[in-house]
Amino acid sequence: MNKRSFNCPGCGKEIKMYSYSSFIICPECKTRIEVKNDIYDIDPCLSMTRTKAKKRRDCPVCRKYRSMQLNEKKTKWQCDFCKYDIPVKEIKKVVFWFCDSCDAFLNVQPGFNDDLKKYICCHCGFENDLSDDNIF
């Protein structure tokens, strides 16, 4: 899990992020902050053949385009950037949950469990509803 911190441009409070998302909400002043990650703005697929690109998918954690690839033994998908991995057997069964407030990937946050009815995001403190009604 990647961790970064920076100060909110609205109130100056230090904000800690535990994965990459497109934006977060400051828990102190509720300022919406667009998150840009200059380190990972390289598209790994620019020089790939069409066959290789079929064996790639977007990463739910760092949100990099086609950064996950199927390993040689085809037992798991793994991200080239953040190293998040998920077994091939699980990827079609798992629901990827994202915070309704800050868009952070919830599945990798400490204490997250699919069986919970509600989960409080570690990034912004928002209470997310994990009921079946929110799966789409």
Protein backbone atom coordinates (compact mmCIF):
# COMPACT_ATOMS: atom_id res chain seq x y z
CA MET A 1 0.00 0.00 0.00
CA ASN A 2 1.46 3.36 -0.98
CA LYS A 3 1.38 6.18 1.56
CA ARG A 4 1.87 9.89 0.88
CA SER A 5 1.14 13.01 2.83
CA PHE A 6 0.78 16.70 1.97
CA ASN A 7 -0.85 19.84 3.37
CA CYS A 8 -4.38 20.90 2.45
CA PRO A 9 -4.38 24.10 0.35
CA GLY A 10 -7.55 25.22 2.17
CA CYS A 11 -6.62 24.92 5.85
CA GLY A 12 -3.01 23.71 5.89
CA LYS A 13 -3.80 20.47 7.78
CA GLU A 14 -1.55 17.52 6.93
CA ILE A 15 -3.45 14.90 4.92
CA LYS A 16 -2.26 11.31 4.63
CA MET A 17 -3.19 9.15 1.66
CA TYR A 18 -2.84 5.37 1.66
CA SER A 19 -3.34 4.74 -2.07
CA TYR A 20 -3.68 6.80 -5.20
CA SER A 21 -7.03 8.30 -6.08
CA SER A 22 -8.13 11.07 -8.41
CA PHE A 23 -9.26 13.36 -5.57
CA ILE A 24 -9.69 13.47 -1.78
CA ILE A 25 -11.74 15.57 0.62
CA CYS A 26 -9.91 17.29 3.48
CA PRO A 27 -11.35 15.88 6.73
CA GLU A 28 -10.83 19.26 8.46
CA CYS A 29 -12.25 21.90 6.07
CA LYS A 30 -13.95 19.65 3.44
CA THR A 31 -11.93 21.16 0.57
CA ARG A 32 -11.93 18.90 -2.50
CA ILE A 33 -8.34 18.35 -3.63
CA GLU A 34 -7.45 16.98 -7.06
CA VAL A 35 -4.58 14.52 -6.71
CA LYS A 36 -1.95 14.40 -9.39
CA ASN A 37 0.92 11.96 -9.30
CA ASP A 38 3.70 13.09 -11.61
CA ILE A 39 5.82 10.04 -10.83
CA TYR A 40 3.33 7.64 -12.36
CA ASP A 41 2.18 9.54 -15.41
CA ILE A 42 4.02 7.22 -17.80
CA ASP A 43 1.67 5.01 -19.80
CA PRO A 44 3.23 1.51 -19.79
CA CYS A 45 1.17 0.48 -22.83
CA LEU A 46 2.50 2.98 -25.34
CA SER A 47 5.01 0.56 -26.80
CA MET A 48 3.08 -2.69 -26.26
CA THR A 49 1.85 -5.01 -28.92
CA ARG A 50 -1.88 -5.69 -29.12
CA THR A 51 -1.37 -9.22 -27.71
CA LYS A 52 0.43 -7.93 -24.62
CA ALA A 53 -2.19 -5.24 -24.05
CA LYS A 54 -4.92 -7.91 -23.85
CA LYS A 55 -3.15 -9.36 -20.83
CA ARG A 56 -3.35 -6.06 -18.96
CA ARG A 57 -6.01 -4.25 -16.93
CA ASP A 58 -6.35 -0.99 -15.01
CA CYS A 59 -5.31 -1.05 -11.36
CA PRO A 60 -8.03 -0.14 -8.84
CA VAL A 61 -5.47 1.04 -6.26
CA CYS A 62 -3.15 3.41 -8.15
CA ARG A 63 -5.60 3.89 -11.07
CA LYS A 64 -2.92 3.55 -13.70
CA TYR A 65 -4.13 2.59 -17.15
CA ARG A 66 -3.32 -1.02 -18.02
CA SER A 67 -0.73 -1.24 -15.23
CA MET A 68 -1.81 -4.70 -14.04
CA GLN A 69 -0.56 -7.69 -15.92
CA LEU A 70 -1.22 -11.38 -15.72
CA ASN A 71 1.82 -13.20 -14.31
CA GLU A 72 3.47 -15.97 -16.29
CA LYS A 73 1.83 -18.76 -14.30
CA LYS A 74 -1.54 -16.99 -14.72
CA THR A 75 -2.37 -17.29 -11.05
CA LYS A 76 -2.69 -13.58 -10.27
CA TRP A 77 -2.88 -10.08 -11.69
CA GLN A 78 -0.20 -7.70 -10.37
CA CYS A 79 0.28 -3.95 -10.80
CA ASP A 80 3.63 -2.80 -12.19
CA PHE A 81 3.47 0.43 -10.17
CA CYS A 82 1.94 -0.16 -6.73
CA LYS A 83 2.41 -3.97 -6.66
CA TYR A 84 -1.23 -4.61 -5.70
CA ASP A 85 -2.13 -8.15 -6.70
CA ILE A 86 -5.26 -10.26 -6.84
CA PRO A 87 -5.68 -13.96 -7.68
CA VAL A 88 -7.20 -14.69 -11.10
CA LYS A 89 -9.93 -16.79 -9.44
CA GLU A 90 -10.96 -13.83 -7.27
CA ILE A 91 -11.01 -10.97 -9.76
CA LYS A 92 -14.42 -11.88 -11.20
CA LYS A 93 -15.93 -12.54 -7.74
CA VAL A 94 -14.61 -9.54 -5.78
CA VAL A 95 -16.54 -6.28 -5.60
CA PHE A 96 -14.18 -3.31 -5.87
CA TRP A 97 -15.41 -0.71 -3.38
CA PHE A 98 -14.55 2.99 -3.68
CA CYS A 99 -15.28 5.74 -1.16
CA ASP A 100 -18.35 7.78 -2.12
CA SER A 101 -16.64 10.93 -0.84
CA CYS A 102 -12.96 10.79 -1.84
CA ASP A 103 -12.94 7.91 -4.38
CA ALA A 104 -10.23 5.96 -2.47
CA PHE A 105 -10.09 2.21 -3.05
CA LEU A 106 -11.59 0.72 0.12
CA ASN A 107 -10.72 -2.97 -0.34
CA VAL A 108 -7.07 -2.43 0.68
CA GLN A 109 -7.76 -0.23 3.70
CA PRO A 110 -7.10 -1.64 7.20
CA GLY A 111 -10.08 -3.48 8.68
CA PHE A 112 -12.11 -3.48 5.46
CA ASN A 113 -14.39 -6.48 5.01
CA ASP A 114 -17.04 -7.10 2.33
CA ASP A 115 -19.40 -8.45 4.99
CA LEU A 116 -19.63 -5.10 6.77
CA LYS A 117 -22.76 -3.05 6.16
CA LYS A 118 -20.89 0.24 6.58
CA TYR A 119 -17.20 1.18 6.41
CA ILE A 120 -15.47 4.43 7.38
CA CYS A 121 -12.84 5.48 4.82
CA CYS A 122 -9.32 5.87 6.26
CA HIS A 123 -8.65 8.78 3.88
CA CYS A 124 -11.53 11.11 4.55
CA GLY A 125 -13.57 9.59 7.38
CA PHE A 126 -16.73 9.23 5.26
CA GLU A 127 -19.08 6.39 6.25
CA ASN A 128 -19.75 4.28 3.15
CA ASP A 129 -22.79 2.05 2.67
CA LEU A 130 -21.64 -1.42 1.57
CA SER A 131 -25.06 -2.85 0.87
CA ASP A 132 -25.90 -4.73 -2.33
CA ASP A 133 -27.88 -1.67 -3.46
CA ASN A 134 -24.55 0.12 -4.05
CA ILE A 135 -23.04 -2.48 -6.39
CA PHE A 136 -23.11 -1.56 -10.06
